[in-house]
C-alpha atoms as a PDB file:
ATOM      1  CA  LEU A   1       0.000   0.000   0.000  1.00  0.00           C
ATOM      2  CA  THR A   2       1.261   3.428  -0.925  1.00  0.00           C
ATOM      3  CA  LEU A   3       0.661   6.600   1.026  1.00  0.00           C
ATOM      4  CA  LEU A   4       1.339  10.112  -0.100  1.00  0.00           C
ATOM      5  CA  ASN A   5       4.822  11.391   0.593  1.00  0.00           C
ATOM      6  CA  ASN A   6       5.202  11.918   4.332  1.00  0.00           C
ATOM      7  CA  SER A   7       6.727  15.344   3.813  1.00  0.00           C
ATOM      8  CA  ASN A   8       3.559  16.423   2.049  1.00  0.00           C
ATOM      9  CA  MET A   9       1.072  14.977   4.494  1.00  0.00           C
ATOM     10  CA  ASN A  10       0.091  18.452   5.655  1.00  0.00           C
ATOM     11  CA  ASP A  11      -0.012  19.972   2.172  1.00  0.00           C
ATOM     12  CA  PHE A  12      -3.363  20.321   0.447  1.00  0.00           C
ATOM     13  CA  THR A  13      -2.650  18.886  -2.997  1.00  0.00           C
ATOM     14  CA  ASN A  14      -4.099  16.516  -5.531  1.00  0.00           C
ATOM     15  CA  PRO A  15      -2.270  13.182  -5.732  1.00  0.00           C
ATOM     16  CA  SER A  16      -0.758  12.220  -9.064  1.00  0.00           C
ATOM     17  CA  THR A  17      -2.066   8.665  -8.701  1.00  0.00           C
ATOM     18  CA  PHE A  18      -4.552   6.662  -6.693  1.00  0.00           C
ATOM     19  CA  ILE A  19      -4.122   3.094  -5.457  1.00  0.00           C
ATOM     20  CA  LEU A  20      -7.095   0.753  -5.970  1.00  0.00           C
ATOM     21  CA  LEU A  21      -7.519  -1.927  -3.287  1.00  0.00           C
ATOM     22  CA  ASP A  22     -10.026  -4.120  -5.165  1.00  0.00           C
ATOM     23  CA  PHE A  23     -11.801  -6.004  -2.329  1.00  0.00           C
ATOM     24  CA  PRO A  24     -10.148  -5.066   1.001  1.00  0.00           C
ATOM     25  CA  GLY A  25      -9.860  -8.106   3.239  1.00  0.00           C
ATOM     26  CA  LEU A  26     -10.182 -10.585   0.365  1.00  0.00           C
ATOM     27  CA  GLU A  27      -6.737 -10.149  -1.211  1.00  0.00           C
ATOM     28  CA  MET A  28      -6.045 -13.897  -1.135  1.00  0.00           C
ATOM     29  CA  ALA A  29      -9.215 -14.618  -3.126  1.00  0.00           C
ATOM     30  CA  HIS A  30      -8.754 -12.000  -5.873  1.00  0.00           C
ATOM     31  CA  ILE A  31      -8.099 -14.537  -8.615  1.00  0.00           C
ATOM     32  CA  TRP A  32     -11.224 -16.511  -7.706  1.00  0.00           C
ATOM     33  CA  ILE A  33     -13.297 -13.339  -7.439  1.00  0.00           C
ATOM     34  CA  SER A  34     -12.066 -12.230 -10.860  1.00  0.00           C
ATOM     35  CA  ILE A  35     -13.514 -15.307 -12.587  1.00  0.00           C
ATOM     36  CA  PRO A  36     -17.238 -14.439 -12.165  1.00  0.00           C
ATOM     37  CA  PHE A  37     -16.544 -10.763 -12.904  1.00  0.00           C
ATOM     38  CA  CYS A  38     -14.726 -11.576 -16.129  1.00  0.00           C
ATOM     39  CA  THR A  39     -17.466 -14.063 -17.026  1.00  0.00           C
ATOM     40  CA  MET A  40     -20.103 -11.364 -16.510  1.00  0.00           C
ATOM     41  CA  TYR A  41     -18.143  -8.977 -18.724  1.00  0.00           C
ATOM     42  CA  ALA A  42     -17.704 -11.623 -21.447  1.00  0.00           C
ATOM     43  CA  ILE A  43     -21.467 -12.307 -21.471  1.00  0.00           C
ATOM     44  CA  THR A  44     -22.160  -8.561 -21.533  1.00  0.00           C
ATOM     45  CA  PHE A  45     -19.786  -7.972 -24.426  1.00  0.00           C
ATOM     46  CA  LEU A  46     -20.903 -10.923 -26.563  1.00  0.00           C
ATOM     47  CA  GLY A  47     -24.602 -10.423 -25.812  1.00  0.00           C
ATOM     48  CA  ASN A  48     -24.724  -6.722 -26.665  1.00  0.00           C
ATOM     49  CA  ILE A  49     -22.515  -7.109 -29.740  1.00  0.00           C
ATOM     50  CA  THR A  50     -24.865  -9.868 -30.933  1.00  0.00           C
ATOM     51  CA  ILE A  51     -27.906  -7.604 -30.434  1.00  0.00           C
ATOM     52  CA  LEU A  52     -26.240  -4.824 -32.454  1.00  0.00           C
ATOM     53  CA  PHE A  53     -25.237  -7.248 -35.215  1.00  0.00           C
ATOM     54  CA  ILE A  54     -28.704  -8.807 -35.534  1.00  0.00           C
ATOM     55  CA  VAL A  55     -30.462  -5.437 -35.686  1.00  0.00           C
ATOM     56  CA  LYS A  56     -27.991  -4.268 -38.341  1.00  0.00           C
ATOM     57  CA  ILE A  57     -28.392  -7.281 -40.676  1.00  0.00           C
ATOM     58  CA  GLU A  58     -32.162  -7.741 -40.245  1.00  0.00           C
ATOM     59  CA  PRO A  59     -34.181  -5.089 -42.153  1.00  0.00           C
ATOM     60  CA  SER A  60     -37.401  -5.974 -40.326  1.00  0.00           C
ATOM     61  CA  LEU A  61     -35.793  -4.798 -37.076  1.00  0.00           C
ATOM     62  CA  HIS A  62     -35.066  -1.299 -38.392  1.00  0.00           C
ATOM     63  CA  GLY A  63     -37.661   0.428 -36.246  1.00  0.00           C
ATOM     64  CA  PRO A  64     -37.859   2.750 -33.227  1.00  0.00           C
ATOM     65  CA  MET A  65     -37.998   0.040 -30.557  1.00  0.00           C
ATOM     66  CA  TYR A  66     -34.893  -1.685 -31.913  1.00  0.00           C
ATOM     67  CA  TYR A  67     -33.048   1.599 -32.392  1.00  0.00           C
ATOM     68  CA  PHE A  68     -33.590   2.287 -28.686  1.00  0.00           C
ATOM     69  CA  LEU A  69     -32.436  -1.260 -27.962  1.00  0.00           C
ATOM     70  CA  CYS A  70     -29.224  -0.582 -29.890  1.00  0.00           C
ATOM     71  CA  MET A  71     -28.692   2.600 -27.872  1.00  0.00           C
ATOM     72  CA  LEU A  72     -29.111   0.562 -24.690  1.00  0.00           C
ATOM     73  CA  ALA A  73     -26.645  -2.053 -25.955  1.00  0.00           C
ATOM     74  CA  VAL A  74     -23.976   0.582 -26.727  1.00  0.00           C
ATOM     75  CA  THR A  75     -24.545   2.233 -23.344  1.00  0.00           C
ATOM     76  CA  ASP A  76     -24.232  -1.113 -21.553  1.00  0.00           C
ATOM     77  CA  LEU A  77     -21.005  -1.900 -23.409  1.00  0.00           C
ATOM     78  CA  VAL A  78     -19.367   1.420 -22.539  1.00  0.00           C
ATOM     79  CA  LEU A  79     -20.563   1.326 -18.930  1.00  0.00           C
ATOM     80  CA  SER A  80     -19.355  -2.211 -18.231  1.00  0.00           C
ATOM     81  CA  THR A  81     -16.045  -1.534 -20.013  1.00  0.00           C
ATOM     82  CA  SER A  82     -15.538   1.538 -17.835  1.00  0.00           C
ATOM     83  CA  ILE A  83     -16.194  -0.404 -14.617  1.00  0.00           C
ATOM     84  CA  VAL A  84     -14.880  -3.930 -15.053  1.00  0.00           C
ATOM     85  CA  PRO A  85     -11.480  -4.498 -13.369  1.00  0.00           C
ATOM     86  CA  LYS A  86      -9.155  -4.689 -16.352  1.00  0.00           C
ATOM     87  CA  ALA A  87      -6.053  -6.649 -15.239  1.00  0.00           C
ATOM     88  CA  ILE A  88      -6.352  -5.485 -11.614  1.00  0.00           C
ATOM     89  CA  PHE A  89      -6.951  -8.943 -10.175  1.00  0.00           C
ATOM     90  CA  TRP A  90      -4.481 -10.963 -12.238  1.00  0.00           C
ATOM     91  CA  PHE A  91      -1.600  -8.540 -12.875  1.00  0.00           C
ATOM     92  CA  ASN A  92      -1.645  -6.523  -9.641  1.00  0.00           C
ATOM     93  CA  SER A  93      -1.994  -3.282 -11.618  1.00  0.00           C
ATOM     94  CA  ARG A  94      -3.487  -1.128  -8.897  1.00  0.00           C
ATOM     95  CA  GLU A  95      -2.327   2.370  -9.794  1.00  0.00           C
ATOM     96  CA  ILE A  96      -4.532   4.791 -11.695  1.00  0.00           C
ATOM     97  CA  SER A  97      -3.625   8.379 -12.495  1.00  0.00           C
ATOM     98  CA  PHE A  98      -5.673  11.228 -11.060  1.00  0.00           C
ATOM     99  CA  SER A  99      -6.913  12.271 -14.530  1.00  0.00           C
ATOM    100  CA  ALA A 100      -7.782   8.685 -15.496  1.00  0.00           C
ATOM    101  CA  CYS A 101      -9.665   8.293 -12.219  1.00  0.00           C
ATOM    102  CA  LEU A 102     -11.773  11.392 -12.932  1.00  0.00           C
ATOM    103  CA  THR A 103     -12.398  10.220 -16.503  1.00  0.00           C
ATOM    104  CA  GLN A 104     -13.585   6.825 -15.294  1.00  0.00           C
ATOM    105  CA  MET A 105     -15.838   8.495 -12.730  1.00  0.00           C
ATOM    106  CA  TYR A 106     -17.382  10.708 -15.410  1.00  0.00           C
ATOM    107  CA  PHE A 107     -18.042   7.809 -17.791  1.00  0.00           C
ATOM    108  CA  ILE A 108     -19.671   5.725 -15.048  1.00  0.00           C
ATOM    109  CA  HIS A 109     -22.104   8.467 -14.012  1.00  0.00           C
ATOM    110  CA  CYS A 110     -22.712   9.655 -17.566  1.00  0.00           C
ATOM    111  CA  PHE A 111     -23.609   6.257 -19.004  1.00  0.00           C
ATOM    112  CA  SER A 112     -25.545   5.196 -15.896  1.00  0.00           C
ATOM    113  CA  GLY A 113     -27.790   8.211 -16.465  1.00  0.00           C
ATOM    114  CA  MET A 114     -28.056   7.421 -20.171  1.00  0.00           C
ATOM    115  CA  GLN A 115     -28.991   3.827 -19.347  1.00  0.00           C
ATOM    116  CA  SER A 116     -31.936   5.004 -17.276  1.00  0.00           C
ATOM    117  CA  GLY A 117     -32.948   7.613 -19.875  1.00  0.00           C
ATOM    118  CA  ILE A 118     -33.070   5.035 -22.657  1.00  0.00           C
ATOM    119  CA  LEU A 119     -35.462   2.898 -20.601  1.00  0.00           C
ATOM    120  CA  VAL A 120     -37.739   5.960 -20.379  1.00  0.00           C
ATOM    121  CA  ALA A 121     -37.554   6.322 -24.163  1.00  0.00           C
ATOM    122  CA  MET A 122     -38.463   2.652 -24.557  1.00  0.00           C
ATOM    123  CA  ALA A 123     -41.424   3.140 -22.207  1.00  0.00           C
ATOM    124  CA  PHE A 124     -42.586   6.029 -24.392  1.00  0.00           C
ATOM    125  CA  ASP A 125     -42.240   3.762 -27.437  1.00  0.00           C
ATOM    126  CA  ARG A 126     -44.490   1.163 -25.791  1.00  0.00           C
ATOM    127  CA  TYR A 127     -46.999   3.872 -24.808  1.00  0.00           C
ATOM    128  CA  VAL A 128     -47.330   5.245 -28.363  1.00  0.00           C
ATOM    129  CA  ASP A 129     -47.467   1.773 -29.903  1.00  0.00           C
ATOM    130  CA  ILE A 130     -50.272   0.566 -27.601  1.00  0.00           C
ATOM    131  CA  CYS A 131     -52.259   3.718 -26.850  1.00  0.00           C
ATOM    132  CA  HIS A 132     -51.931   5.474 -30.225  1.00  0.00           C
ATOM    133  CA  PRO A 133     -51.066   2.749 -32.777  1.00  0.00           C
ATOM    134  CA  LEU A 134     -52.337   4.729 -35.776  1.00  0.00           C
ATOM    135  CA  ARG A 135     -49.948   7.588 -34.971  1.00  0.00           C
ATOM    136  CA  TYR A 136     -46.952   5.378 -34.157  1.00  0.00           C
ATOM    137  CA  SER A 137     -45.167   5.735 -37.512  1.00  0.00           C
ATOM    138  CA  THR A 138     -45.737   9.483 -37.673  1.00  0.00           C
ATOM    139  CA  THR A 139     -44.788  10.135 -34.028  1.00  0.00           C
ATOM    140  CA  LEU A 140     -41.673   7.994 -33.692  1.00  0.00           C
ATOM    141  CA  THR A 141     -39.959   8.843 -36.961  1.00  0.00           C
ATOM    142  CA  ASN A 142     -36.218   8.345 -37.444  1.00  0.00           C
ATOM    143  CA  SER A 143     -35.762  12.055 -36.789  1.00  0.00           C
ATOM    144  CA  ALA A 144     -37.744  11.859 -33.537  1.00  0.00           C
ATOM    145  CA  VAL A 145     -35.763   8.813 -32.390  1.00  0.00           C
ATOM    146  CA  ALA A 146     -32.483  10.633 -33.112  1.00  0.00           C
ATOM    147  CA  LYS A 147     -33.652  13.700 -31.152  1.00  0.00           C
ATOM    148  CA  ILE A 148     -34.686  11.545 -28.200  1.00  0.00           C
ATOM    149  CA  GLY A 149     -31.333   9.772 -28.286  1.00  0.00           C
ATOM    150  CA  LEU A 150     -29.484  13.107 -28.416  1.00  0.00           C
ATOM    151  CA  ALA A 151     -31.507  14.416 -25.463  1.00  0.00           C
ATOM    152  CA  VAL A 152     -30.632  11.314 -23.433  1.00  0.00           C
ATOM    153  CA  VAL A 153     -26.915  11.696 -24.244  1.00  0.00           C
ATOM    154  CA  LEU A 154     -26.871  15.434 -23.416  1.00  0.00           C
ATOM    155  CA  ARG A 155     -28.716  14.926 -20.138  1.00  0.00           C
ATOM    156  CA  GLY A 156     -26.358  12.162 -19.041  1.00  0.00           C
ATOM    157  CA  GLY A 157     -23.260  14.106 -20.085  1.00  0.00           C
ATOM    158  CA  ILE A 158     -24.275  17.398 -18.479  1.00  0.00           C
ATOM    159  CA  LEU A 159     -25.515  15.961 -15.176  1.00  0.00           C
ATOM    160  CA  ALA A 160     -22.379  13.815 -14.780  1.00  0.00           C
ATOM    161  CA  LEU A 161     -19.968  16.713 -15.408  1.00  0.00           C
ATOM    162  CA  PRO A 162     -20.044  18.208 -11.866  1.00  0.00           C
ATOM    163  CA  TYR A 163     -18.798  14.932 -10.337  1.00  0.00           C
ATOM    164  CA  PRO A 164     -15.196  15.123 -11.639  1.00  0.00           C
ATOM    165  CA  LEU A 165     -15.171  18.930 -11.445  1.00  0.00           C
ATOM    166  CA  LEU A 166     -16.032  18.862  -7.737  1.00  0.00           C
ATOM    167  CA  VAL A 167     -13.589  16.034  -7.037  1.00  0.00           C
ATOM    168  CA  ARG A 168     -10.794  17.971  -8.765  1.00  0.00           C
ATOM    169  CA  ARG A 169     -11.268  21.031  -6.575  1.00  0.00           C
ATOM    170  CA  TRP A 170     -11.053  19.158  -3.247  1.00  0.00           C
ATOM    171  CA  PRO A 171      -7.663  18.958  -1.476  1.00  0.00           C
ATOM    172  CA  TYR A 172      -6.284  15.503  -0.631  1.00  0.00           C
ATOM    173  CA  CYS A 173      -3.815  15.306   2.231  1.00  0.00           C
ATOM    174  CA  ARG A 174      -4.466  11.956   3.916  1.00  0.00           C
ATOM    175  CA  THR A 175      -4.000   9.041   1.593  1.00  0.00           C
ATOM    176  CA  ASN A 176      -4.355   8.105  -2.054  1.00  0.00           C
ATOM    177  CA  ILE A 177      -5.742   4.632  -1.346  1.00  0.00           C
ATOM    178  CA  ILE A 178      -9.234   3.909  -2.714  1.00  0.00           C
ATOM    179  CA  PRO A 179     -10.904   0.855  -1.103  1.00  0.00           C
ATOM    180  CA  HIS A 180     -12.528  -0.203  -4.369  1.00  0.00           C
ATOM    181  CA  PHE A 181     -11.531  -1.554  -7.786  1.00  0.00           C
ATOM    182  CA  TYR A 182     -12.786   1.504  -9.684  1.00  0.00           C
ATOM    183  CA  CYS A 183     -13.026   5.240  -9.011  1.00  0.00           C
ATOM    184  CA  GLY A 184     -16.476   5.693  -7.577  1.00  0.00           C
ATOM    185  CA  HIS A 185     -17.507   9.203  -6.571  1.00  0.00           C
ATOM    186  CA  LYS A 186     -18.235   8.353  -2.927  1.00  0.00           C
ATOM    187  CA  ALA A 187     -15.012   6.390  -2.494  1.00  0.00           C
ATOM    188  CA  VAL A 188     -12.871   9.239  -3.844  1.00  0.00           C
ATOM    189  CA  VAL A 189     -14.459  12.195  -2.037  1.00  0.00           C
ATOM    190  CA  LYS A 190     -14.084  10.384   1.297  1.00  0.00           C
ATOM    191  CA  LEU A 191     -10.315  10.863   0.882  1.00  0.00           C
ATOM    192  CA  ALA A 192     -10.611  14.646   0.718  1.00  0.00           C
ATOM    193  CA  CYS A 193      -9.638  16.810   3.695  1.00  0.00           C
ATOM    194  CA  ALA A 194     -12.355  19.408   3.237  1.00  0.00           C
ATOM    195  CA  ASP A 195     -16.056  19.942   3.696  1.00  0.00           C
ATOM    196  CA  ILE A 196     -17.500  17.747   0.938  1.00  0.00           C
ATOM    197  CA  ARG A 197     -21.175  18.351   1.681  1.00  0.00           C
ATOM    198  CA  ILE A 198     -21.694  20.009  -1.699  1.00  0.00           C
ATOM    199  CA  SER A 199     -20.597  16.765  -3.396  1.00  0.00           C
ATOM    200  CA  SER A 200     -22.997  14.776  -1.218  1.00  0.00           C
ATOM    201  CA  TYR A 201     -25.850  17.184  -1.911  1.00  0.00           C
ATOM    202  CA  TYR A 202     -25.224  17.063  -5.640  1.00  0.00           C
ATOM    203  CA  GLY A 203     -25.123  13.272  -5.579  1.00  0.00           C
ATOM    204  CA  LEU A 204     -28.522  13.237  -3.859  1.00  0.00           C
ATOM    205  CA  PHE A 205     -29.880  15.815  -6.323  1.00  0.00           C
ATOM    206  CA  ASN A 206     -28.630  13.737  -9.250  1.00  0.00           C
ATOM    207  CA  ILE A 207     -30.306  10.584  -7.944  1.00  0.00           C
ATOM    208  CA  LEU A 208     -33.617  12.373  -7.416  1.00  0.00           C
ATOM    209  CA  SER A 209     -33.527  14.234 -10.735  1.00  0.00           C
ATOM    210  CA  VAL A 210     -32.455  11.263 -12.851  1.00  0.00           C
ATOM    211  CA  ILE A 211     -33.774   8.097 -11.216  1.00  0.00           C
ATOM    212  CA  GLY A 212     -36.746   9.825  -9.583  1.00  0.00           C
ATOM    213  CA  MET A 213     -37.925  11.540 -12.769  1.00  0.00           C
ATOM    214  CA  ASP A 214     -37.290   8.481 -14.915  1.00  0.00           C
ATOM    215  CA  VAL A 215     -39.253   6.186 -12.617  1.00  0.00           C
ATOM    216  CA  PHE A 216     -42.066   8.766 -12.567  1.00  0.00           C
ATOM    217  CA  PHE A 217     -42.287   8.981 -16.381  1.00  0.00           C
ATOM    218  CA  ILE A 218     -42.084   5.191 -16.747  1.00  0.00           C
ATOM    219  CA  SER A 219     -44.886   4.817 -14.176  1.00  0.00           C
ATOM    220  CA  VAL A 220     -47.035   7.354 -16.045  1.00  0.00           C
ATOM    221  CA  SER A 221     -46.455   5.533 -19.342  1.00  0.00           C
ATOM    222  CA  TYR A 222     -47.440   2.156 -17.931  1.00  0.00           C
ATOM    223  CA  THR A 223     -50.456   3.609 -16.149  1.00  0.00           C
ATOM    224  CA  GLN A 224     -51.706   4.809 -19.535  1.00  0.00           C
ATOM    225  CA  ILE A 225     -50.823   1.444 -21.094  1.00  0.00           C
ATOM    226  CA  LEU A 226     -52.766  -0.489 -18.433  1.00  0.00           C
ATOM    227  CA  TRP A 227     -55.742   1.858 -18.825  1.00  0.00           C
ATOM    228  CA  ALA A 228     -55.754   1.232 -22.581  1.00  0.00           C
ATOM    229  CA  MET A 229     -55.369  -2.538 -22.125  1.00  0.00           C
ATOM    230  CA  PHE A 230     -58.409  -2.758 -19.840  1.00  0.00           C
ATOM    231  CA  HIS A 231     -60.495  -1.275 -22.646  1.00  0.00           C
ATOM    232  CA  PHE A 232     -59.473  -3.932 -25.171  1.00  0.00           C
ATOM    233  CA  PRO A 233     -62.425  -6.108 -26.203  1.00  0.00           C
ATOM    234  CA  THR A 234     -60.926  -9.564 -25.579  1.00  0.00           C
ATOM    235  CA  LYS A 235     -58.678 -11.243 -23.035  1.00  0.00           C
ATOM    236  CA  ASP A 236     -56.403 -12.513 -25.806  1.00  0.00           C
ATOM    237  CA  ALA A 237     -55.830  -8.963 -27.057  1.00  0.00           C
ATOM    238  CA  ARG A 238     -54.939  -7.811 -23.547  1.00  0.00           C
ATOM    239  CA  LEU A 239     -52.571 -10.743 -23.039  1.00  0.00           C
ATOM    240  CA  LYS A 240     -50.885 -10.245 -26.403  1.00  0.00           C
ATOM    241  CA  THR A 241     -50.393  -6.545 -25.707  1.00  0.00           C
ATOM    242  CA  PHE A 242     -48.982  -7.235 -22.259  1.00  0.00           C
ATOM    243  CA  CYS A 243     -46.498  -9.728 -23.728  1.00  0.00           C
ATOM    244  CA  THR A 244     -45.019  -6.960 -25.881  1.00  0.00           C
ATOM    245  CA  CYS A 245     -44.109  -5.103 -22.654  1.00  0.00           C
ATOM    246  CA  ILE A 246     -42.588  -7.992 -20.707  1.00  0.00           C
ATOM    247  CA  SER A 247     -39.048  -7.527 -22.065  1.00  0.00           C
ATOM    248  CA  HIS A 248     -39.048  -3.852 -21.178  1.00  0.00           C
ATOM    249  CA  LEU A 249     -40.490  -4.496 -17.704  1.00  0.00           C
ATOM    250  CA  CYS A 250     -37.775  -7.093 -17.059  1.00  0.00           C
ATOM    251  CA  ALA A 251     -35.097  -4.626 -18.198  1.00  0.00           C
ATOM    252  CA  ILE A 252     -36.516  -1.995 -15.829  1.00  0.00           C
ATOM    253  CA  SER A 253     -36.503  -4.467 -12.946  1.00  0.00           C
ATOM    254  CA  ALA A 254     -32.921  -5.521 -13.714  1.00  0.00           C
ATOM    255  CA  LEU A 255     -31.789  -1.893 -13.464  1.00  0.00           C
ATOM    256  CA  TYR A 256     -33.818  -0.358 -10.643  1.00  0.00           C
ATOM    257  CA  ILE A 257     -34.237  -3.227  -8.155  1.00  0.00           C
ATOM    258  CA  PRO A 258     -30.460  -3.747  -7.650  1.00  0.00           C
ATOM    259  CA  ASP A 259     -30.077   0.049  -7.573  1.00  0.00           C
ATOM    260  CA  VAL A 260     -32.589   0.414  -4.722  1.00  0.00           C
ATOM    261  CA  PHE A 261     -31.100  -2.554  -2.838  1.00  0.00           C
ATOM    262  CA  SER A 262     -27.563  -1.173  -3.205  1.00  0.00           C
ATOM    263  CA  SER A 263     -28.645   2.270  -1.978  1.00  0.00           C
ATOM    264  CA  LEU A 264     -30.383   0.807   1.070  1.00  0.00           C
ATOM    265  CA  VAL A 265     -27.395  -1.363   1.987  1.00  0.00           C
ATOM    266  CA  GLN A 266     -24.961   1.548   1.650  1.00  0.00           C
ATOM    267  CA  ARG A 267     -27.158   3.910   3.665  1.00  0.00           C
ATOM    268  CA  PHE A 268     -28.268   1.585   6.480  1.00  0.00           C
ATOM    269  CA  GLY A 269     -25.716  -1.225   6.419  1.00  0.00           C
ATOM    270  CA  HIS A 270     -23.289   0.382   8.866  1.00  0.00           C
ATOM    271  CA  ASN A 271     -22.198  -2.980  10.269  1.00  0.00           C
ATOM    272  CA  VAL A 272     -21.883  -4.656   6.877  1.00  0.00           C
ATOM    273  CA  PRO A 273     -18.262  -5.607   5.967  1.00  0.00           C
ATOM    274  CA  LEU A 274     -16.600  -3.282   3.446  1.00  0.00           C
ATOM    275  CA  HIS A 275     -15.896  -6.035   0.924  1.00  0.00           C
ATOM    276  CA  PHE A 276     -19.603  -6.969   0.930  1.00  0.00           C
ATOM    277  CA  LEU A 277     -20.610  -3.352   0.264  1.00  0.00           C
ATOM    278  CA  ILE A 278     -18.139  -3.216  -2.643  1.00  0.00           C
ATOM    279  CA  LEU A 279     -19.511  -6.502  -3.992  1.00  0.00           C
ATOM    280  CA  ILE A 280     -23.090  -5.175  -3.838  1.00  0.00           C
ATOM    281  CA  THR A 281     -22.238  -1.928  -5.658  1.00  0.00           C
ATOM    282  CA  SER A 282     -20.248  -3.841  -8.279  1.00  0.00           C
ATOM    283  CA  VAL A 283     -23.037  -6.310  -9.007  1.00  0.00           C
ATOM    284  CA  HIS A 284     -25.521  -3.428  -9.107  1.00  0.00           C
ATOM    285  CA  GLN A 285     -23.452  -1.767 -11.858  1.00  0.00           C
ATOM    286  CA  LEU A 286     -22.491  -4.875 -13.861  1.00  0.00           C
ATOM    287  CA  MET A 287     -25.641  -6.997 -13.655  1.00  0.00           C
ATOM    288  CA  PRO A 288     -28.039  -4.908 -15.849  1.00  0.00           C
ATOM    289  CA  PRO A 289     -25.664  -4.710 -18.870  1.00  0.00           C
ATOM    290  CA  MET A 290     -25.328  -8.505 -18.725  1.00  0.00           C
ATOM    291  CA  ILE A 291     -29.046  -9.230 -18.293  1.00  0.00           C
ATOM    292  CA  HIS A 292     -30.448  -6.807 -20.878  1.00  0.00           C
ATOM    293  CA  PRO A 293     -29.277  -8.710 -24.016  1.00  0.00           C
ATOM    294  CA  ILE A 294     -30.391 -12.000 -22.453  1.00  0.00           C
ATOM    295  CA  ILE A 295     -33.858 -10.610 -21.775  1.00  0.00           C
ATOM    296  CA  TYR A 296     -34.335  -9.235 -25.281  1.00  0.00           C
ATOM    297  CA  GLY A 297     -32.700 -12.249 -26.913  1.00  0.00           C
ATOM    298  CA  VAL A 298     -35.071 -14.648 -25.166  1.00  0.00           C
ATOM    299  CA  ARG A 299     -38.265 -12.593 -25.027  1.00  0.00           C
ATOM    300  CA  THR A 300     -38.251 -10.846 -28.440  1.00  0.00           C
ATOM    301  CA  LYS A 301     -39.524 -13.200 -31.135  1.00  0.00           C
ATOM    302  CA  GLN A 302     -37.786 -11.466 -34.054  1.00  0.00           C
ATOM    303  CA  ILE A 303     -34.386 -11.434 -32.339  1.00  0.00           C
ATOM    304  CA  ARG A 304     -34.785 -14.997 -31.084  1.00  0.00           C
ATOM    305  CA  GLY A 305     -35.702 -16.215 -34.558  1.00  0.00           C
ATOM    306  CA  ARG A 306     -32.712 -14.464 -36.142  1.00  0.00           C
ATOM    307  CA  LEU A 307     -30.427 -15.936 -33.478  1.00  0.00           C
ATOM    308  CA  LEU A 308     -31.650 -19.427 -34.301  1.00  0.00           C
ATOM    309  CA  GLN A 309     -31.006 -18.789 -37.985  1.00  0.00           C
ATOM    310  CA  LEU A 310     -27.463 -17.627 -37.240  1.00  0.00           C
ATOM    311  CA  PHE A 311     -26.464 -20.437 -34.892  1.00  0.00           C
ATOM    312  CA  MET A 312     -28.574 -23.283 -36.320  1.00  0.00           C
ATOM    313  CA  PRO A 313     -28.233 -23.047 -40.123  1.00  0.00           C
ATOM    314  CA  SER A 314     -29.024 -26.748 -40.519  1.00  0.00           C
ATOM    315  CA  ALA A 315     -32.367 -26.256 -38.764  1.00  0.00           C
ATOM    316  CA  ARG A 316     -33.111 -23.320 -41.069  1.00  0.00           C
ATOM    317  CA  CYS A 317     -32.333 -25.357 -44.175  1.00  0.00           C
ATOM    318  CA  PHE A 318     -34.480 -28.229 -42.918  1.00  0.00           C
ATOM    319  CA  ARG A 319     -37.352 -25.825 -42.286  1.00  0.00           C
ATOM    320  CA  VAL A 320     -37.081 -24.347 -45.780  1.00  0.00           C
ATOM    321  CA  ASN A 321     -37.000 -27.816 -47.402  1.00  0.00           C
ATOM    322  CA  GLU A 322     -40.060 -28.924 -45.505  1.00  0.00           C
ATOM    323  CA  GLN A 323     -41.948 -25.779 -46.499  1.00  0.00           C
ATOM    324  CA  ASN A 324     -40.972 -26.329 -50.129  1.00  0.00           C
ATOM    325  CA  MET A 325     -42.317 -29.872 -49.909  1.00  0.00           C
ATOM    326  CA  GLY A 326     -45.615 -28.590 -48.614  1.00  0.00           C
ATOM    327  CA  ILE A 327     -45.156 -29.901 -45.095  1.00  0.00           C
ATOM    328  CA  SER A 328     -46.712 -27.731 -42.405  1.00  0.00           C
ATOM    329  CA  LEU A 329     -44.475 -27.200 -39.341  1.00  0.00           C
END
């Protein structure tokens, strides 16, 4: 472990580097801990790349819902790549420069906000498709989808900017050791020797303005969707409509439920071991990007069918031959 130079312990300066501790107290198990984390990242990477590839090659998937899905896939890829411990566990590469630490912090908060914003956009897509189907093609045009995507990116980028700016202005005179495997905002500001209440207040404001507003708009959208569904003439129509929302509801649950659980544990789990808190926050950040492509790959008929065609060409050929012979499958 490296401390700041003893001669500078009383100086209020920014350290040139930080030292990441990974999971404090579990140093002997780092290699074993790295296996599930690297597995999660591999599934995230392959799953989201597959989603992007299928949407690109399949013309029938060139629509608003799948454009938003591609935005979510790109966001998940960047977010998980920014967080996952690259070579920390296996190669003992614990140092990170001050600038790199701030950059990582910005990317994490920026793309976390974008992730939530895209789910709001997808909820709006479901609302227009179910409540105003005749106006769907004229409301969610390619231009409208691009503007929504731009708004999500700008909101995430602007609201995340104060995090590194505030961290840069604080003096650090105690230690440069971060008890985590990435530069989280809370972990870094705790090292500052100054009144950091403004950082805490902004963090709370960001949570309320991003997560709070997004959950509110998603709730409003699904309230309207449920109201419209109850006015459908048949049970089959209601069930079929609800099935089109299941993937999105699962994606929402995968993002917000771990988020709420992580926040509760961090706020009230004063007696919880530090390595368990770090594990909870890590899973909360890495689980949604891994689950999202699985949800949409399994639940979306068009994507599932294209996946089967890609990975089971013999089954596709057999199906085509049977259809040509007049056999009904």
